[in-house]
Protein backbone atom coordinates (compact mmCIF):
# COMPACT_ATOMS: atom_id res chain seq x y z
CA UNK A 1 27.81 16.17 25.51
CA UNK A 2 29.79 12.99 26.59
CA UNK A 3 30.52 10.06 24.68
CA UNK A 4 27.04 8.26 24.26
CA UNK A 5 26.57 4.57 23.94
CA UNK A 6 23.20 2.89 23.13
CA UNK A 7 22.59 -0.74 24.29
CA UNK A 8 21.44 -3.67 22.37
CA UNK A 9 18.13 -5.48 22.89
CA UNK A 10 17.68 -7.30 26.31
CA UNK A 11 21.17 -5.92 27.21
CA UNK A 12 22.51 -3.15 29.53
CA UNK A 13 26.17 -2.04 30.25
CA UNK A 14 27.57 -4.57 27.60
CA UNK A 15 29.89 -1.73 26.02
CA UNK A 16 32.92 -3.06 27.52
CA UNK A 17 32.72 -5.95 25.42
CA UNK A 18 33.58 -3.54 22.50
CA UNK A 19 36.28 -1.79 24.14
CA UNK A 20 38.58 -2.41 21.39
CA UNK A 21 36.36 -0.87 18.87
CA UNK A 22 34.80 2.05 20.82
CA UNK A 23 36.27 5.57 20.64
CA UNK A 24 35.40 7.65 23.88
CA UNK A 25 35.12 11.31 23.39
CA UNK A 26 32.40 13.73 23.54
CA UNK A 27 31.92 13.77 19.66
CA UNK A 28 31.45 10.14 19.08
CA UNK A 29 28.15 8.15 19.31
CA UNK A 30 28.08 4.38 19.48
CA UNK A 31 25.36 1.57 19.54
CA UNK A 32 25.28 -2.20 19.38
CA UNK A 33 22.59 -4.02 17.45
CA UNK A 34 19.31 -2.18 18.68
CA UNK A 35 21.42 0.24 20.05
CA UNK A 36 22.71 1.02 16.77
CA UNK A 37 19.40 2.25 15.44
CA UNK A 38 19.06 4.39 18.55
CA UNK A 39 22.58 6.03 18.13
CA UNK A 40 21.72 6.54 14.17
CA UNK A 41 18.46 8.33 15.22
CA UNK A 42 19.85 10.34 17.77
CA UNK A 43 22.56 11.41 15.45
CA UNK A 44 20.06 12.38 12.63
CA UNK A 45 18.13 14.68 15.32
CA UNK A 46 21.08 15.97 17.39
CA UNK A 47 22.01 19.70 17.10
CA UNK A 48 25.45 19.17 18.74
CA UNK A 49 28.55 18.50 17.05
CA UNK A 50 29.08 14.66 16.20
CA UNK A 51 32.23 13.53 14.54
CA UNK A 52 31.89 9.74 14.41
CA UNK A 53 28.82 7.51 14.54
CA UNK A 54 29.90 3.90 15.31
CA UNK A 55 27.39 1.12 14.41
CA UNK A 56 28.22 -2.44 15.94
CA UNK A 57 26.39 -5.24 14.21
CA UNK A 58 23.50 -2.96 13.50
CA UNK A 59 20.10 -4.42 13.71
CA UNK A 60 19.54 -4.87 9.94
CA UNK A 61 16.41 -6.80 8.95
CA UNK A 62 15.74 -4.83 5.65
CA UNK A 63 16.22 -8.12 3.78
CA UNK A 64 13.63 -10.07 6.07
CA UNK A 65 10.01 -10.91 5.14
CA UNK A 66 7.15 -9.82 7.08
CA UNK A 67 6.52 -13.45 7.99
CA UNK A 68 9.92 -13.71 9.67
CA UNK A 69 9.22 -10.56 11.81
CA UNK A 70 5.79 -11.74 12.79
CA UNK A 71 7.06 -15.16 13.74
CA UNK A 72 9.68 -13.39 16.22
CA UNK A 73 7.22 -11.43 17.73
CA UNK A 74 4.76 -14.33 18.25
CA UNK A 75 7.85 -16.42 19.89
CA UNK A 76 8.67 -13.34 22.09
CA UNK A 77 4.97 -13.01 23.09
CA UNK A 78 4.60 -16.78 24.23
CA UNK A 79 7.77 -16.64 26.36
CA UNK A 80 9.69 -13.54 26.55
CA UNK A 81 12.44 -14.97 28.84
CA UNK A 82 13.10 -18.01 26.87
CA UNK A 83 13.07 -15.79 23.55
CA UNK A 84 15.72 -13.58 24.98
CA UNK A 85 18.01 -16.39 26.22
CA UNK A 86 17.90 -18.10 22.61
CA UNK A 87 18.51 -14.43 21.18
CA UNK A 88 21.46 -13.83 23.45
CA UNK A 89 22.93 -17.43 22.71
CA UNK A 90 22.47 -16.76 19.02
CA UNK A 91 24.24 -13.42 19.35
CA UNK A 92 27.42 -15.34 20.82
CA UNK A 93 27.00 -14.92 24.46
CA UNK A 94 27.80 -17.61 26.84
CA UNK A 95 26.09 -18.35 30.09
CA UNK A 96 28.34 -16.23 32.13
CA UNK A 97 28.01 -13.01 29.75
CA UNK A 98 24.35 -13.58 29.34
CA UNK A 99 23.86 -13.31 33.09
CA UNK A 100 26.14 -10.35 33.47
CA UNK A 101 24.40 -8.32 30.78
CA UNK A 102 21.01 -9.42 30.46
CA UNK A 103 18.20 -7.10 30.98
CA UNK A 104 14.62 -8.25 29.47
CA UNK A 105 13.47 -6.09 26.48
CA UNK A 106 10.09 -5.84 25.74
CA UNK A 107 7.64 -6.25 22.78
CA UNK A 108 7.79 -2.57 21.79
CA UNK A 109 11.54 -2.58 21.52
CA UNK A 110 11.52 -5.86 19.68
CA UNK A 111 8.88 -4.52 17.20
CA UNK A 112 10.99 -1.62 16.66
CA UNK A 113 14.11 -3.58 16.01
CA UNK A 114 12.47 -5.95 13.53
CA UNK A 115 10.54 -3.59 11.49
CA UNK A 116 13.10 -0.57 11.36
CA UNK A 117 14.00 0.36 7.91
CA UNK A 118 17.57 1.61 7.30
CA UNK A 119 17.29 4.49 4.97
CA UNK A 120 20.02 5.28 2.43
CA UNK A 121 18.83 9.17 2.19
CA UNK A 122 19.13 9.42 6.20
CA UNK A 123 22.56 7.74 5.96
CA UNK A 124 23.45 10.08 3.29
CA UNK A 125 22.28 13.15 5.27
CA UNK A 126 24.83 12.25 8.01
CA UNK A 127 27.60 11.83 5.58
CA UNK A 128 26.60 15.35 4.13
CA UNK A 129 26.73 16.69 7.58
CA UNK A 130 30.45 15.46 7.85
CA UNK A 131 29.87 12.61 10.09
CA UNK A 132 32.19 9.57 9.69
CA UNK A 133 30.35 6.42 9.99
CA UNK A 134 32.21 3.13 10.93
CA UNK A 135 30.05 -0.18 10.61
CA UNK A 136 31.28 -3.22 12.27
CA UNK A 137 30.01 -6.41 11.37
CA UNK A 138 30.75 -10.29 12.24
CA UNK A 139 31.05 -12.74 9.29
CA UNK A 140 29.70 -15.56 11.62
CA UNK A 141 26.43 -13.40 12.73
CA UNK A 142 23.49 -15.58 13.31
CA UNK A 143 21.15 -12.65 14.00
CA UNK A 144 21.52 -10.73 10.87
CA UNK A 145 22.84 -11.41 7.24
CA UNK A 146 25.97 -9.54 7.63
CA UNK A 147 26.80 -9.81 3.95
CA UNK A 148 23.60 -8.01 3.07
CA UNK A 149 24.15 -5.35 5.68
CA UNK A 150 27.80 -4.84 4.46
CA UNK A 151 26.55 -4.30 1.00
CA UNK A 152 23.72 -1.87 2.13
CA UNK A 153 26.21 0.31 4.33
CA UNK A 154 29.27 0.20 2.50
CA UNK A 155 28.78 3.32 0.42
CA UNK A 156 28.16 5.45 3.67
CA UNK A 157 31.06 4.57 5.67
CA UNK A 158 33.96 2.26 6.65
CA UNK A 159 32.77 -1.17 7.05
CA UNK A 160 34.92 -3.48 9.14
CA UNK A 161 34.07 -6.96 8.46
CA UNK A 162 35.32 -9.29 11.10
CA UNK A 163 35.22 -12.66 9.28
CA UNK A 164 35.30 -15.01 12.59
CA UNK A 165 33.24 -12.83 14.67
CA UNK A 166 29.72 -13.39 15.89
CA UNK A 167 26.93 -10.87 16.42
CA UNK A 168 28.99 -9.43 19.61
CA UNK A 169 31.95 -9.25 17.31
CA UNK A 170 33.85 -11.76 19.31
């Protein structure tokens, strides 16, 4: 197994944005935002050795009401390209970065992202397997409530809270 990285929603190849945080070796799994969910689920099911799981601005919507999630899905269904552009702007992408990394996501991915419930028992299962979990959060994140995410994840790993950073940790 080589180093694995999972992309965020409506993104591709954005991992170089996180080069200062990512560890590249065959025993580290990483993911950004929606990709953090995918990296986490992969780590739960993988039988191969994993030493570290890096969750970069994990898509954390456990604290959001169903109405918020339904509205997001409705806006996406009305104009997916406009929704994605607005989403990337809120993530902290400027026009140049958006053009470089944009790949339109689909409704199924957005639905999975919004309705995913991070589970403390599953996180503890990874910790019990000896997997070190690193969580990176931006203090100026406009996508998730990074303070809520920090409180949720802090008992399971090392949380790096970057006060001046957006969702893309810049």
